[in-house]
Each structure stands twice: as structure tokens, then as C-alpha cells.
C-alpha atoms as a PDB file:
ATOM      1  CA  MET A   1      16.890 -12.521 -13.511  1.00  0.00           C
ATOM      2  CA  SER A   2      17.042  -9.054 -14.981  1.00  0.00           C
ATOM      3  CA  THR A   3      20.009  -6.729 -15.279  1.00  0.00           C
ATOM      4  CA  ARG A   4      19.633  -3.604 -13.263  1.00  0.00           C
ATOM      5  CA  LYS A   5      20.224  -0.323 -15.023  1.00  0.00           C
ATOM      6  CA  GLU A   6      20.687   1.785 -11.926  1.00  0.00           C
ATOM      7  CA  ALA A   7      22.291   1.577  -8.481  1.00  0.00           C
ATOM      8  CA  GLN A   8      21.766   3.565  -5.321  1.00  0.00           C
ATOM      9  CA  VAL A   9      25.141   4.912  -4.391  1.00  0.00           C
ATOM     10  CA  LEU A  10      24.322   7.528  -1.728  1.00  0.00           C
ATOM     11  CA  ALA A  11      21.178   7.895   0.441  1.00  0.00           C
ATOM     12  CA  TYR A  12      20.178  10.240   3.390  1.00  0.00           C
ATOM     13  CA  ARG A  13      17.125   9.579   5.394  1.00  0.00           C
ATOM     14  CA  LEU A  14      15.428  11.228   8.393  1.00  0.00           C
ATOM     15  CA  LEU A  15      13.558   8.672  10.512  1.00  0.00           C
ATOM     16  CA  TYR A  16      11.021   9.621  13.188  1.00  0.00           C
ATOM     17  CA  ASP A  17       9.287   7.087  15.332  1.00  0.00           C
ATOM     18  CA  ARG A  18       6.189   7.243  17.528  1.00  0.00           C
ATOM     19  CA  SER A  19       8.232   7.599  20.665  1.00  0.00           C
ATOM     20  CA  GLY A  20       9.610  10.932  19.312  1.00  0.00           C
ATOM     21  CA  LYS A  21      13.004   9.669  18.341  1.00  0.00           C
ATOM     22  CA  LEU A  22      14.584  11.341  15.347  1.00  0.00           C
ATOM     23  CA  VAL A  23      17.474   9.617  13.604  1.00  0.00           C
ATOM     24  CA  SER A  24      19.426  10.699  10.507  1.00  0.00           C
ATOM     25  CA  GLU A  25      20.999   8.002   8.385  1.00  0.00           C
ATOM     26  CA  ARG A  26      23.538   8.389   5.563  1.00  0.00           C
ATOM     27  CA  THR A  27      24.615   5.358   3.588  1.00  0.00           C
ATOM     28  CA  SER A  28      27.026   5.108   0.614  1.00  0.00           C
ATOM     29  CA  THR A  29      28.205   2.304  -1.523  1.00  0.00           C
ATOM     30  CA  ASP A  30      31.685   1.217  -2.408  1.00  0.00           C
ATOM     31  CA  ILE A  31      31.633   1.988  -6.126  1.00  0.00           C
ATOM     32  CA  THR A  32      34.842   0.115  -7.056  1.00  0.00           C
ATOM     33  CA  SER A  33      32.710  -2.899  -8.261  1.00  0.00           C
ATOM     34  CA  LEU A  34      31.087  -0.508 -10.746  1.00  0.00           C
ATOM     35  CA  LYS A  35      34.424   0.516 -12.184  1.00  0.00           C
ATOM     36  CA  LYS A  36      34.242  -2.124 -14.892  1.00  0.00           C
ATOM     37  CA  PHE A  37      30.901  -0.776 -16.231  1.00  0.00           C
ATOM     38  CA  LEU A  38      31.963   2.860 -16.415  1.00  0.00           C
ATOM     39  CA  THR A  39      34.390   4.869 -18.469  1.00  0.00           C
ATOM     40  CA  LYS A  40      37.399   6.250 -16.563  1.00  0.00           C
ATOM     41  CA  GLU A  41      35.900   9.674 -16.666  1.00  0.00           C
ATOM     42  CA  GLU A  42      32.451   8.473 -15.500  1.00  0.00           C
ATOM     43  CA  TYR A  43      34.028   6.620 -12.612  1.00  0.00           C
ATOM     44  CA  HIS A  44      36.065   9.564 -11.391  1.00  0.00           C
ATOM     45  CA  THR A  45      33.101  11.905 -11.834  1.00  0.00           C
ATOM     46  CA  LEU A  46      30.891   9.535  -9.757  1.00  0.00           C
ATOM     47  CA  ASP A  47      33.608   9.124  -7.124  1.00  0.00           C
ATOM     48  CA  THR A  48      33.953  12.921  -6.827  1.00  0.00           C
ATOM     49  CA  VAL A  49      30.281  13.567  -6.626  1.00  0.00           C
ATOM     50  CA  ILE A  50      29.775  10.948  -3.904  1.00  0.00           C
ATOM     51  CA  ARG A  51      32.780  12.376  -1.929  1.00  0.00           C
ATOM     52  CA  GLU A  52      31.445  15.959  -2.087  1.00  0.00           C
ATOM     53  CA  ALA A  53      27.846  14.982  -1.481  1.00  0.00           C
ATOM     54  CA  THR A  54      28.896  13.008   1.551  1.00  0.00           C
ATOM     55  CA  LEU A  55      30.635  16.187   2.932  1.00  0.00           C
ATOM     56  CA  LYS A  56      27.483  18.188   2.398  1.00  0.00           C
ATOM     57  CA  LEU A  57      25.235  15.592   3.957  1.00  0.00           C
ATOM     58  CA  ASP A  58      27.524  15.472   6.945  1.00  0.00           C
ATOM     59  CA  ASP A  59      27.042  19.221   7.279  1.00  0.00           C
ATOM     60  CA  VAL A  60      23.209  18.725   7.140  1.00  0.00           C
ATOM     61  CA  HIS A  61      23.435  16.022   9.774  1.00  0.00           C
ATOM     62  CA  ARG A  62      25.416  18.274  12.099  1.00  0.00           C
ATOM     63  CA  TYR A  63      23.023  21.179  11.491  1.00  0.00           C
ATOM     64  CA  ILE A  64      19.970  19.103  12.342  1.00  0.00           C
ATOM     65  CA  GLU A  65      21.694  17.711  15.485  1.00  0.00           C
ATOM     66  CA  ASN A  66      22.600  21.262  16.696  1.00  0.00           C
ATOM     67  CA  TYR A  67      19.122  22.570  15.929  1.00  0.00           C
ATOM     68  CA  LEU A  68      17.524  19.769  18.019  1.00  0.00           C
ATOM     69  CA  SER A  69      20.039  20.175  20.741  1.00  0.00           C
ATOM     70  CA  SER A  70      19.206  23.919  21.106  1.00  0.00           C
ATOM     71  CA  ARG A  71      15.452  23.428  21.345  1.00  0.00           C
ATOM     72  CA  VAL A  72      13.609  23.094  24.590  1.00  0.00           C
ATOM     73  CA  MET A  73      11.843  19.640  24.392  1.00  0.00           C
ATOM     74  CA  LYS A  74       8.484  19.273  26.161  1.00  0.00           C
ATOM     75  CA  ASP A  75       6.598  16.233  26.937  1.00  0.00           C
ATOM     76  CA  PHE A  76       3.249  16.503  25.211  1.00  0.00           C
ATOM     77  CA  LYS A  77       1.084  13.711  26.547  1.00  0.00           C
END
């Protein structure tokens, strides 16, 4: 078993399937378990970055939803 040197703490994905469904997905990790591996400054920096990035990604999600809602969708068969 190898020790990991990195962890995914925040992710944002746009998923599009063949039926035309578009889904946005934001995931974040509870970083409290990483606290013992980081300095106090590193932990607080990471916590702040995750919080701020989450706010911005939520803005992106709302923007995309509003954009798609304002478009006239046609059935292209």
C-alpha cells in the first residue's frame, strides 16, 4: 500500500449525456482529517481557499443554469 501525496478536496464537473441532459456537479471534501498533516497556516489557507472557491463555483453553476433556462431548446432529430 502506498502513501498518497495528494488529495482531491474540491471538484467541479459538467456532465452531458446522449439524451441531451446537462448536469453540473460540485464536490468538496471535509478537510478536518487532513489537519494533522498540515501546519496551522496551511490548514487555514486550504480551508479559506475551499470556502472561496465553493462560492465562485456556485456562481458558475447559477450562471450556467440561467443561460440554459433562457435558451429556446429545439428537438433535433
